[in-house]
């Protein structure tokens, strides 16, 4: 009878692979693989940052929240009016506070800058000279007109009137306060209710704060 060797006999298995086989790639090829891997990681990062942004457009939500609070304040009775007006102010501050702080802080220094750029200023000296040189016209009883001019270099004959004392503040009456609140709320609503314009302003402000490219402004006419 022919005997076949058993599969489980010693010496019939595979020899272990030398551990240095896996690292037998040339250094140039290994460096190229690592470079491609690093490049793929960088491209993935930039692609995710460029195309994967999911920043929500909150302009519509901001407008709706403020407009809803404004409508509630407009429909408030006299007892609720002050509280609703404060709620409207708080809603505006909560939604747009940082933007309003930024814009309000820039308005003060930008005013003189704009005037200096235009190069125009009120000439108070011309007004004072014209007033000093104005002729005095006298009409006599026989309809004769006498015009007496004064020397522009002459000193004024009378001192200018003293300035009126500044008005002092006082507390509003309840009626005045209610009227002022309703007027202010109505004025704000007239401005804010123009939804398309306000949304455009909100989105332009967001673009200006989130992008380095300047926002294109319309040419002045």
C-alpha atoms as a PDB file:
ATOM      1  CA  UNK A   1       0.000   0.000   0.000  1.00  0.00           C
ATOM      2  CA  UNK A   2       1.268   3.414  -0.950  1.00  0.00           C
ATOM      3  CA  UNK A   3       1.580   5.834   1.904  1.00  0.00           C
ATOM      4  CA  UNK A   4       1.172   9.540   1.358  1.00  0.00           C
ATOM      5  CA  UNK A   5       2.819  12.082   3.608  1.00  0.00           C
ATOM      6  CA  UNK A   6       0.536  13.617   6.123  1.00  0.00           C
ATOM      7  CA  UNK A   7      -0.277  17.351   5.796  1.00  0.00           C
ATOM      8  CA  UNK A   8       0.453  17.762   9.454  1.00  0.00           C
ATOM      9  CA  UNK A   9       3.984  16.427   9.343  1.00  0.00           C
ATOM     10  CA  UNK A  10       6.695  18.744  10.560  1.00  0.00           C
ATOM     11  CA  UNK A  11       8.660  20.521   7.916  1.00  0.00           C
ATOM     12  CA  UNK A  12       5.819  20.779   5.389  1.00  0.00           C
ATOM     13  CA  UNK A  13       4.757  24.408   6.217  1.00  0.00           C
ATOM     14  CA  UNK A  14       5.769  27.691   4.586  1.00  0.00           C
ATOM     15  CA  UNK A  15       8.872  29.481   5.654  1.00  0.00           C
ATOM     16  CA  UNK A  16       8.256  32.842   7.369  1.00  0.00           C
ATOM     17  CA  UNK A  17       8.775  35.914   5.240  1.00  0.00           C
ATOM     18  CA  UNK A  18      11.697  38.076   6.120  1.00  0.00           C
ATOM     19  CA  UNK A  19      10.496  41.175   7.985  1.00  0.00           C
ATOM     20  CA  UNK A  20      12.522  43.559   5.805  1.00  0.00           C
ATOM     21  CA  UNK A  21      10.540  42.692   2.671  1.00  0.00           C
ATOM     22  CA  UNK A  22       7.832  45.239   3.495  1.00  0.00           C
ATOM     23  CA  UNK A  23      10.407  47.997   3.752  1.00  0.00           C
ATOM     24  CA  UNK A  24      12.251  47.097   0.618  1.00  0.00           C
ATOM     25  CA  UNK A  25      10.848  50.103  -1.340  1.00  0.00           C
ATOM     26  CA  UNK A  26      13.403  52.539  -2.609  1.00  0.00           C
ATOM     27  CA  UNK A  27      13.723  55.764  -0.599  1.00  0.00           C
ATOM     28  CA  UNK A  28      12.670  57.855  -3.608  1.00  0.00           C
ATOM     29  CA  UNK A  29       9.485  55.868  -4.121  1.00  0.00           C
ATOM     30  CA  UNK A  30       8.700  55.922  -0.417  1.00  0.00           C
ATOM     31  CA  UNK A  31       9.184  59.708  -0.310  1.00  0.00           C
ATOM     32  CA  UNK A  32       6.903  60.085  -3.331  1.00  0.00           C
ATOM     33  CA  UNK A  33       4.169  58.048  -1.623  1.00  0.00           C
ATOM     34  CA  UNK A  34       4.427  60.125   1.536  1.00  0.00           C
ATOM     35  CA  UNK A  35       4.360  63.343  -0.501  1.00  0.00           C
ATOM     36  CA  UNK A  36       1.218  62.255  -2.352  1.00  0.00           C
ATOM     37  CA  UNK A  37      -0.413  61.332   0.942  1.00  0.00           C
ATOM     38  CA  UNK A  38       0.387  64.722   2.447  1.00  0.00           C
ATOM     39  CA  UNK A  39      -0.866  66.477  -0.689  1.00  0.00           C
ATOM     40  CA  UNK A  40      -4.126  64.543  -0.539  1.00  0.00           C
ATOM     41  CA  UNK A  41      -4.626  65.577   3.095  1.00  0.00           C
ATOM     42  CA  UNK A  42      -3.994  69.249   2.295  1.00  0.00           C
ATOM     43  CA  UNK A  43      -6.339  69.221  -0.704  1.00  0.00           C
ATOM     44  CA  UNK A  44      -9.027  67.531   1.350  1.00  0.00           C
ATOM     45  CA  UNK A  45      -8.707  70.192   4.032  1.00  0.00           C
ATOM     46  CA  UNK A  46      -8.973  73.069   1.571  1.00  0.00           C
ATOM     47  CA  UNK A  47     -11.864  71.465  -0.283  1.00  0.00           C
ATOM     48  CA  UNK A  48     -13.774  70.972   2.953  1.00  0.00           C
ATOM     49  CA  UNK A  49     -13.120  74.577   3.968  1.00  0.00           C
ATOM     50  CA  UNK A  50     -14.041  75.969   0.539  1.00  0.00           C
ATOM     51  CA  UNK A  51     -17.003  73.856  -0.515  1.00  0.00           C
ATOM     52  CA  UNK A  52     -18.139  72.336   2.729  1.00  0.00           C
ATOM     53  CA  UNK A  53     -19.172  75.513   4.562  1.00  0.00           C
ATOM     54  CA  UNK A  54     -22.634  75.311   5.957  1.00  0.00           C
ATOM     55  CA  UNK A  55     -22.865  78.715   7.632  1.00  0.00           C
ATOM     56  CA  UNK A  56     -26.581  79.468   7.926  1.00  0.00           C
ATOM     57  CA  UNK A  57     -28.033  82.606   6.402  1.00  0.00           C
ATOM     58  CA  UNK A  58     -29.671  84.080   9.485  1.00  0.00           C
ATOM     59  CA  UNK A  59     -30.847  87.300   7.847  1.00  0.00           C
ATOM     60  CA  UNK A  60     -34.432  86.116   7.453  1.00  0.00           C
ATOM     61  CA  UNK A  61     -34.582  84.798  11.028  1.00  0.00           C
ATOM     62  CA  UNK A  62     -33.185  88.069  12.393  1.00  0.00           C
ATOM     63  CA  UNK A  63     -35.681  90.152  10.433  1.00  0.00           C
ATOM     64  CA  UNK A  64     -38.621  87.955  11.469  1.00  0.00           C
ATOM     65  CA  UNK A  65     -37.715  87.996  15.177  1.00  0.00           C
ATOM     66  CA  UNK A  66     -37.345  91.777  15.305  1.00  0.00           C
ATOM     67  CA  UNK A  67     -40.413  92.410  13.150  1.00  0.00           C
ATOM     68  CA  UNK A  68     -42.565  90.137  15.340  1.00  0.00           C
ATOM     69  CA  UNK A  69     -41.463  91.957  18.498  1.00  0.00           C
ATOM     70  CA  UNK A  70     -42.074  95.308  16.796  1.00  0.00           C
ATOM     71  CA  UNK A  71     -45.633  94.337  15.797  1.00  0.00           C
ATOM     72  CA  UNK A  72     -46.347  93.253  19.378  1.00  0.00           C
ATOM     73  CA  UNK A  73     -45.120  96.630  20.633  1.00  0.00           C
ATOM     74  CA  UNK A  74     -47.267  98.500  18.106  1.00  0.00           C
ATOM     75  CA  UNK A  75     -50.384  96.683  19.274  1.00  0.00           C
ATOM     76  CA  UNK A  76     -49.698  97.082  22.987  1.00  0.00           C
ATOM     77  CA  UNK A  77     -52.083  98.989  25.219  1.00  0.00           C
ATOM     78  CA  UNK A  78     -50.944 101.792  27.504  1.00  0.00           C
ATOM     79  CA  UNK A  79     -50.168  99.416  30.374  1.00  0.00           C
ATOM     80  CA  UNK A  80     -47.990  97.138  28.229  1.00  0.00           C
ATOM     81  CA  UNK A  81     -46.439  99.773  25.985  1.00  0.00           C
ATOM     82  CA  UNK A  82     -43.290 100.466  28.010  1.00  0.00           C
ATOM     83  CA  UNK A  83     -42.577  96.778  28.586  1.00  0.00           C
ATOM     84  CA  UNK A  84     -43.101  95.949  24.906  1.00  0.00           C
ATOM     85  CA  UNK A  85     -40.875  98.849  23.862  1.00  0.00           C
ATOM     86  CA  UNK A  86     -38.118  97.577  26.156  1.00  0.00           C
ATOM     87  CA  UNK A  87     -38.590  94.080  24.756  1.00  0.00           C
ATOM     88  CA  UNK A  88     -38.157  95.456  21.239  1.00  0.00           C
ATOM     89  CA  UNK A  89     -34.950  97.237  22.223  1.00  0.00           C
ATOM     90  CA  UNK A  90     -33.628  94.110  23.912  1.00  0.00           C
ATOM     91  CA  UNK A  91     -34.450  92.001  20.846  1.00  0.00           C
ATOM     92  CA  UNK A  92     -32.601  94.426  18.598  1.00  0.00           C
ATOM     93  CA  UNK A  93     -29.601  94.399  20.930  1.00  0.00           C
ATOM     94  CA  UNK A  94     -29.630  90.598  21.197  1.00  0.00           C
ATOM     95  CA  UNK A  95     -29.784  90.121  17.424  1.00  0.00           C
ATOM     96  CA  UNK A  96     -27.684  93.027  16.152  1.00  0.00           C
ATOM     97  CA  UNK A  97     -25.866  94.419  19.187  1.00  0.00           C
ATOM     98  CA  UNK A  98     -22.262  93.823  18.017  1.00  0.00           C
ATOM     99  CA  UNK A  99     -23.024  95.148  14.534  1.00  0.00           C
ATOM    100  CA  UNK A 100     -24.672  98.278  15.957  1.00  0.00           C
ATOM    101  CA  UNK A 101     -21.745  98.842  18.322  1.00  0.00           C
ATOM    102  CA  UNK A 102     -19.293  98.590  15.440  1.00  0.00           C
ATOM    103  CA  UNK A 103     -21.263 100.931  13.174  1.00  0.00           C
ATOM    104  CA  UNK A 104     -22.017 103.436  15.931  1.00  0.00           C
ATOM    105  CA  UNK A 105     -18.410 103.602  16.990  1.00  0.00           C
ATOM    106  CA  UNK A 106     -17.288 104.358  13.452  1.00  0.00           C
ATOM    107  CA  UNK A 107     -19.863 107.047  12.670  1.00  0.00           C
ATOM    108  CA  UNK A 108     -18.292 109.660  14.954  1.00  0.00           C
ATOM    109  CA  UNK A 109     -14.788 109.702  13.432  1.00  0.00           C
ATOM    110  CA  UNK A 110     -16.053 109.160   9.884  1.00  0.00           C
ATOM    111  CA  UNK A 111     -18.035 112.412   9.855  1.00  0.00           C
ATOM    112  CA  UNK A 112     -15.032 114.768  10.025  1.00  0.00           C
ATOM    113  CA  UNK A 113     -13.110 112.477   7.669  1.00  0.00           C
ATOM    114  CA  UNK A 114     -15.823 112.720   5.006  1.00  0.00           C
ATOM    115  CA  UNK A 115     -15.885 116.515   5.313  1.00  0.00           C
ATOM    116  CA  UNK A 116     -12.130 116.695   4.951  1.00  0.00           C
ATOM    117  CA  UNK A 117     -12.232 114.475   1.861  1.00  0.00           C
ATOM    118  CA  UNK A 118     -14.866 116.693   0.234  1.00  0.00           C
ATOM    119  CA  UNK A 119     -12.776 119.772   1.093  1.00  0.00           C
ATOM    120  CA  UNK A 120     -15.780 121.943   1.915  1.00  0.00           C
ATOM    121  CA  UNK A 121     -16.551 123.859   5.101  1.00  0.00           C
ATOM    122  CA  UNK A 122     -19.001 126.592   6.055  1.00  0.00           C
ATOM    123  CA  UNK A 123     -17.438 130.018   5.690  1.00  0.00           C
ATOM    124  CA  UNK A 124     -18.516 131.774   8.847  1.00  0.00           C
ATOM    125  CA  UNK A 125     -16.255 134.720   8.050  1.00  0.00           C
ATOM    126  CA  UNK A 126     -18.182 135.505   4.874  1.00  0.00           C
ATOM    127  CA  UNK A 127     -21.446 135.512   6.781  1.00  0.00           C
ATOM    128  CA  UNK A 128     -20.027 137.827   9.460  1.00  0.00           C
ATOM    129  CA  UNK A 129     -18.577 140.219   6.836  1.00  0.00           C
ATOM    130  CA  UNK A 130     -21.845 140.373   4.915  1.00  0.00           C
ATOM    131  CA  UNK A 131     -23.732 141.192   8.095  1.00  0.00           C
ATOM    132  CA  UNK A 132     -21.266 143.924   9.058  1.00  0.00           C
ATOM    133  CA  UNK A 133     -21.346 145.553   5.599  1.00  0.00           C
ATOM    134  CA  UNK A 134     -25.120 145.455   5.159  1.00  0.00           C
ATOM    135  CA  UNK A 135     -26.459 148.985   4.480  1.00  0.00           C
ATOM    136  CA  UNK A 136     -29.046 150.622   6.683  1.00  0.00           C
ATOM    137  CA  UNK A 137     -32.162 151.718   4.790  1.00  0.00           C
ATOM    138  CA  UNK A 138     -34.329 154.517   6.225  1.00  0.00           C
ATOM    139  CA  UNK A 139     -37.709 155.486   4.724  1.00  0.00           C
ATOM    140  CA  UNK A 140     -38.827 159.026   5.563  1.00  0.00           C
ATOM    141  CA  UNK A 141     -42.412 160.213   5.773  1.00  0.00           C
ATOM    142  CA  UNK A 142     -42.222 161.891   2.334  1.00  0.00           C
ATOM    143  CA  UNK A 143     -41.347 158.477   0.785  1.00  0.00           C
ATOM    144  CA  UNK A 144     -37.736 159.527   0.418  1.00  0.00           C
ATOM    145  CA  UNK A 145     -35.305 156.613   0.864  1.00  0.00           C
ATOM    146  CA  UNK A 146     -31.952 157.191   2.532  1.00  0.00           C
ATOM    147  CA  UNK A 147     -29.295 154.498   2.360  1.00  0.00           C
ATOM    148  CA  UNK A 148     -26.438 154.832   4.803  1.00  0.00           C
ATOM    149  CA  UNK A 149     -23.613 152.309   4.495  1.00  0.00           C
ATOM    150  CA  UNK A 150     -21.200 151.567   7.273  1.00  0.00           C
ATOM    151  CA  UNK A 151     -17.479 151.082   7.044  1.00  0.00           C
ATOM    152  CA  UNK A 152     -16.732 147.353   7.047  1.00  0.00           C
ATOM    153  CA  UNK A 153     -13.692 147.937   9.185  1.00  0.00           C
ATOM    154  CA  UNK A 154     -15.560 149.855  11.835  1.00  0.00           C
ATOM    155  CA  UNK A 155     -16.160 148.286  15.190  1.00  0.00           C
ATOM    156  CA  UNK A 156     -19.699 147.102  15.858  1.00  0.00           C
ATOM    157  CA  UNK A 157     -21.864 149.684  17.536  1.00  0.00           C
ATOM    158  CA  UNK A 158     -23.661 147.203  19.740  1.00  0.00           C
ATOM    159  CA  UNK A 159     -22.609 144.043  21.483  1.00  0.00           C
ATOM    160  CA  UNK A 160     -24.202 140.827  20.222  1.00  0.00           C
ATOM    161  CA  UNK A 161     -27.080 139.536  22.325  1.00  0.00           C
ATOM    162  CA  UNK A 162     -26.268 137.081  25.043  1.00  0.00           C
ATOM    163  CA  UNK A 163     -26.923 133.440  24.119  1.00  0.00           C
ATOM    164  CA  UNK A 164     -30.069 131.903  25.467  1.00  0.00           C
ATOM    165  CA  UNK A 165     -29.578 129.617  28.452  1.00  0.00           C
ATOM    166  CA  UNK A 166     -29.541 125.918  27.548  1.00  0.00           C
ATOM    167  CA  UNK A 167     -32.782 124.062  27.981  1.00  0.00           C
ATOM    168  CA  UNK A 168     -32.927 121.742  30.934  1.00  0.00           C
ATOM    169  CA  UNK A 169     -34.319 118.221  30.836  1.00  0.00           C
ATOM    170  CA  UNK A 170     -37.473 117.280  32.613  1.00  0.00           C
ATOM    171  CA  UNK A 171     -39.393 114.079  33.139  1.00  0.00           C
ATOM    172  CA  UNK A 172     -42.101 113.304  30.612  1.00  0.00           C
ATOM    173  CA  UNK A 173     -45.660 113.011  31.690  1.00  0.00           C
ATOM    174  CA  UNK A 174     -47.324 109.648  31.161  1.00  0.00           C
ATOM    175  CA  UNK A 175     -49.169 110.998  28.133  1.00  0.00           C
ATOM    176  CA  UNK A 176     -46.018 112.464  26.608  1.00  0.00           C
ATOM    177  CA  UNK A 177     -44.095 109.278  27.224  1.00  0.00           C
ATOM    178  CA  UNK A 178     -46.758 107.091  25.637  1.00  0.00           C
ATOM    179  CA  UNK A 179     -46.896 109.375  22.601  1.00  0.00           C
ATOM    180  CA  UNK A 180     -43.117 109.382  22.291  1.00  0.00           C
ATOM    181  CA  UNK A 181     -42.934 105.586  22.576  1.00  0.00           C
ATOM    182  CA  UNK A 182     -45.622 105.046  19.947  1.00  0.00           C
ATOM    183  CA  UNK A 183     -43.952 107.533  17.622  1.00  0.00           C
ATOM    184  CA  UNK A 184     -40.537 105.904  18.025  1.00  0.00           C
ATOM    185  CA  UNK A 185     -41.909 102.392  17.555  1.00  0.00           C
ATOM    186  CA  UNK A 186     -43.883 103.487  14.500  1.00  0.00           C
ATOM    187  CA  UNK A 187     -40.829 105.158  12.990  1.00  0.00           C
ATOM    188  CA  UNK A 188     -38.760 102.054  13.553  1.00  0.00           C
ATOM    189  CA  UNK A 189     -41.452  99.851  12.041  1.00  0.00           C
ATOM    190  CA  UNK A 190     -41.639 102.051   8.945  1.00  0.00           C
ATOM    191  CA  UNK A 191     -37.924 101.462   8.503  1.00  0.00           C
ATOM    192  CA  UNK A 192     -37.758  97.786   9.445  1.00  0.00           C
ATOM    193  CA  UNK A 193     -40.889  96.685   7.567  1.00  0.00           C
ATOM    194  CA  UNK A 194     -39.095  97.131   4.238  1.00  0.00           C
ATOM    195  CA  UNK A 195     -38.032  93.506   4.302  1.00  0.00           C
ATOM    196  CA  UNK A 196     -36.128  93.285   1.016  1.00  0.00           C
ATOM    197  CA  UNK A 197     -33.943  96.299   1.833  1.00  0.00           C
ATOM    198  CA  UNK A 198     -33.244  95.181   5.383  1.00  0.00           C
ATOM    199  CA  UNK A 199     -32.341  91.642   4.300  1.00  0.00           C
ATOM    200  CA  UNK A 200     -29.954  93.032   1.715  1.00  0.00           C
ATOM    201  CA  UNK A 201     -28.295  95.201   4.378  1.00  0.00           C
ATOM    202  CA  UNK A 202     -27.958  92.278   6.777  1.00  0.00           C
ATOM    203  CA  UNK A 203     -26.398  90.055   4.140  1.00  0.00           C
ATOM    204  CA  UNK A 204     -24.004  92.786   3.043  1.00  0.00           C
ATOM    205  CA  UNK A 205     -22.948  93.315   6.665  1.00  0.00           C
ATOM    206  CA  UNK A 206     -22.395  89.562   7.094  1.00  0.00           C
ATOM    207  CA  UNK A 207     -20.369  89.450   3.883  1.00  0.00           C
ATOM    208  CA  UNK A 208     -18.236  92.373   5.017  1.00  0.00           C
ATOM    209  CA  UNK A 209     -17.456  90.690   8.346  1.00  0.00           C
ATOM    210  CA  UNK A 210     -16.814  87.193   6.928  1.00  0.00           C
ATOM    211  CA  UNK A 211     -14.850  87.902   3.735  1.00  0.00           C
ATOM    212  CA  UNK A 212     -11.612  89.698   3.047  1.00  0.00           C
ATOM    213  CA  UNK A 213     -12.662  90.972  -0.393  1.00  0.00           C
ATOM    214  CA  UNK A 214     -14.246  94.458  -0.202  1.00  0.00           C
ATOM    215  CA  UNK A 215     -17.956  94.825  -0.877  1.00  0.00           C
ATOM    216  CA  UNK A 216     -18.628  96.660  -4.118  1.00  0.00           C
ATOM    217  CA  UNK A 217     -20.379  99.956  -3.437  1.00  0.00           C
ATOM    218  CA  UNK A 218     -22.583 101.692  -6.028  1.00  0.00           C
ATOM    219  CA  UNK A 219     -21.002 104.624  -7.825  1.00  0.00           C
ATOM    220  CA  UNK A 220     -22.231 108.022  -6.571  1.00  0.00           C
ATOM    221  CA  UNK A 221     -24.307 109.996  -9.053  1.00  0.00           C
END
